[in-house]
Amino acid sequence: MRYSYKTKGTCSTKIDFDIDGDIITNVEFTGGCNGNLKAIKRLVDGMTVDYITEKCSGVICGFKNTSCADQLAKAVKEAYESQQ
């Protein structure tokens, strides 16, 4: 299933990805730091919701209280819970 998440408090404005059970693939960020987000999407491709949440939750960017990685963790958790 394709899932779209509107981010809050980050330079990226949206995260789209595929979720199949608890596996995340094909992550795409709209906006944000191009190089960093290319790395994040490669690193998490094929990973589980729990793994992404564990590694990315709570990461902050500069003076913000969130980051694109933190928003990804929120997005995958929300997507997984919506399947239940």
C-alpha atoms as a PDB file:
ATOM      1  CA  MET A   1       0.000   0.000   0.000  1.00  0.00           C
ATOM      2  CA  ARG A   2       1.291   3.481  -0.834  1.00  0.00           C
ATOM      3  CA  TYR A   3       1.167   5.896   2.108  1.00  0.00           C
ATOM      4  CA  SER A   4       1.572   9.670   2.156  1.00  0.00           C
ATOM      5  CA  TYR A   5       2.435  11.673   5.283  1.00  0.00           C
ATOM      6  CA  LYS A   6       2.419  15.460   5.600  1.00  0.00           C
ATOM      7  CA  THR A   7       5.401  16.415   7.742  1.00  0.00           C
ATOM      8  CA  LYS A   8       5.369  18.968  10.551  1.00  0.00           C
ATOM      9  CA  GLY A   9       8.279  21.232  11.502  1.00  0.00           C
ATOM     10  CA  THR A  10      10.753  20.179   8.810  1.00  0.00           C
ATOM     11  CA  CYS A  11      12.060  21.479   5.495  1.00  0.00           C
ATOM     12  CA  SER A  12      10.576  18.461   3.754  1.00  0.00           C
ATOM     13  CA  THR A  13       6.822  18.806   3.349  1.00  0.00           C
ATOM     14  CA  LYS A  14       5.757  15.249   2.592  1.00  0.00           C
ATOM     15  CA  ILE A  15       6.957  11.659   2.808  1.00  0.00           C
ATOM     16  CA  ASP A  16       5.576   8.952   0.519  1.00  0.00           C
ATOM     17  CA  PHE A  17       6.419   5.264   0.869  1.00  0.00           C
ATOM     18  CA  ASP A  18       5.142   1.748   0.360  1.00  0.00           C
ATOM     19  CA  ILE A  19       4.223  -0.402   3.344  1.00  0.00           C
ATOM     20  CA  ASP A  20       3.621  -4.142   3.149  1.00  0.00           C
ATOM     21  CA  GLY A  21       2.885  -5.538   6.593  1.00  0.00           C
ATOM     22  CA  ASP A  22       5.699  -3.961   8.596  1.00  0.00           C
ATOM     23  CA  ILE A  23       8.199  -3.556   5.723  1.00  0.00           C
ATOM     24  CA  ILE A  24       8.903  -0.090   4.292  1.00  0.00           C
ATOM     25  CA  THR A  25      10.137   0.480   0.717  1.00  0.00           C
ATOM     26  CA  ASN A  26      10.272   3.197  -1.939  1.00  0.00           C
ATOM     27  CA  VAL A  27      10.582   6.157   0.452  1.00  0.00           C
ATOM     28  CA  GLU A  28      10.359   9.551  -1.255  1.00  0.00           C
ATOM     29  CA  PHE A  29      10.721  12.911   0.478  1.00  0.00           C
ATOM     30  CA  THR A  30       9.339  16.142  -0.993  1.00  0.00           C
ATOM     31  CA  GLY A  31      11.685  19.044  -0.211  1.00  0.00           C
ATOM     32  CA  GLY A  32      14.389  18.952   2.431  1.00  0.00           C
ATOM     33  CA  CYS A  33      18.134  18.333   2.248  1.00  0.00           C
ATOM     34  CA  ASN A  34      18.551  16.362  -0.961  1.00  0.00           C
ATOM     35  CA  GLY A  35      21.738  14.442  -0.124  1.00  0.00           C
ATOM     36  CA  ASN A  36      20.779  13.523   3.429  1.00  0.00           C
ATOM     37  CA  LEU A  37      17.317  12.382   2.395  1.00  0.00           C
ATOM     38  CA  LYS A  38      18.710  10.245  -0.438  1.00  0.00           C
ATOM     39  CA  ALA A  39      20.878   8.510   2.163  1.00  0.00           C
ATOM     40  CA  ILE A  40      17.999   8.011   4.602  1.00  0.00           C
ATOM     41  CA  LYS A  41      15.748   6.464   1.963  1.00  0.00           C
ATOM     42  CA  ARG A  42      18.510   4.044   0.900  1.00  0.00           C
ATOM     43  CA  LEU A  43      19.309   3.094   4.482  1.00  0.00           C
ATOM     44  CA  VAL A  44      15.712   2.314   5.449  1.00  0.00           C
ATOM     45  CA  ASP A  45      14.604   0.571   2.239  1.00  0.00           C
ATOM     46  CA  GLY A  46      13.342  -2.897   3.163  1.00  0.00           C
ATOM     47  CA  MET A  47      13.534  -2.246   6.915  1.00  0.00           C
ATOM     48  CA  THR A  48      10.744  -2.865   9.426  1.00  0.00           C
ATOM     49  CA  VAL A  49       8.609  -0.227  11.072  1.00  0.00           C
ATOM     50  CA  ASP A  50      10.117  -1.120  14.472  1.00  0.00           C
ATOM     51  CA  TYR A  51      13.689  -0.753  13.174  1.00  0.00           C
ATOM     52  CA  ILE A  52      12.999   2.638  11.564  1.00  0.00           C
ATOM     53  CA  THR A  53      11.160   3.863  14.648  1.00  0.00           C
ATOM     54  CA  GLU A  54      13.956   2.718  16.965  1.00  0.00           C
ATOM     55  CA  LYS A  55      16.739   4.324  14.913  1.00  0.00           C
ATOM     56  CA  CYS A  56      15.035   7.548  13.787  1.00  0.00           C
ATOM     57  CA  SER A  57      12.675   8.617  16.594  1.00  0.00           C
ATOM     58  CA  GLY A  58      13.878  11.610  18.558  1.00  0.00           C
ATOM     59  CA  VAL A  59      16.509  12.753  16.054  1.00  0.00           C
ATOM     60  CA  ILE A  60      16.462  16.554  15.896  1.00  0.00           C
ATOM     61  CA  CYS A  61      17.707  18.974  13.243  1.00  0.00           C
ATOM     62  CA  GLY A  62      19.493  22.102  14.437  1.00  0.00           C
ATOM     63  CA  PHE A  63      17.232  24.166  16.674  1.00  0.00           C
ATOM     64  CA  LYS A  64      14.073  22.259  15.664  1.00  0.00           C
ATOM     65  CA  ASN A  65      12.501  19.672  17.961  1.00  0.00           C
ATOM     66  CA  THR A  66      12.134  17.200  15.065  1.00  0.00           C
ATOM     67  CA  SER A  67      13.864  16.199  11.828  1.00  0.00           C
ATOM     68  CA  CYS A  68      13.059  14.459   8.572  1.00  0.00           C
ATOM     69  CA  ALA A  69      14.227  11.179  10.134  1.00  0.00           C
ATOM     70  CA  ASP A  70      11.997  11.743  13.179  1.00  0.00           C
ATOM     71  CA  GLN A  71       9.071  12.571  10.888  1.00  0.00           C
ATOM     72  CA  LEU A  72       9.743   9.358   8.939  1.00  0.00           C
ATOM     73  CA  ALA A  73       9.541   7.393  12.193  1.00  0.00           C
ATOM     74  CA  LYS A  74       6.181   9.007  12.959  1.00  0.00           C
ATOM     75  CA  ALA A  75       4.954   8.374   9.410  1.00  0.00           C
ATOM     76  CA  VAL A  76       5.794   4.666   9.306  1.00  0.00           C
ATOM     77  CA  LYS A  77       4.263   4.097  12.742  1.00  0.00           C
ATOM     78  CA  GLU A  78       1.065   5.892  11.683  1.00  0.00           C
ATOM     79  CA  ALA A  79       0.907   3.887   8.436  1.00  0.00           C
ATOM     80  CA  TYR A  80       1.442   0.589  10.247  1.00  0.00           C
ATOM     81  CA  GLU A  81      -1.225   1.373  12.838  1.00  0.00           C
ATOM     82  CA  SER A  82      -3.703   2.358  10.117  1.00  0.00           C
ATOM     83  CA  GLN A  83      -3.437  -1.180   8.689  1.00  0.00           C
ATOM     84  CA  GLN A  84      -4.601  -2.788  11.929  1.00  0.00           C
END
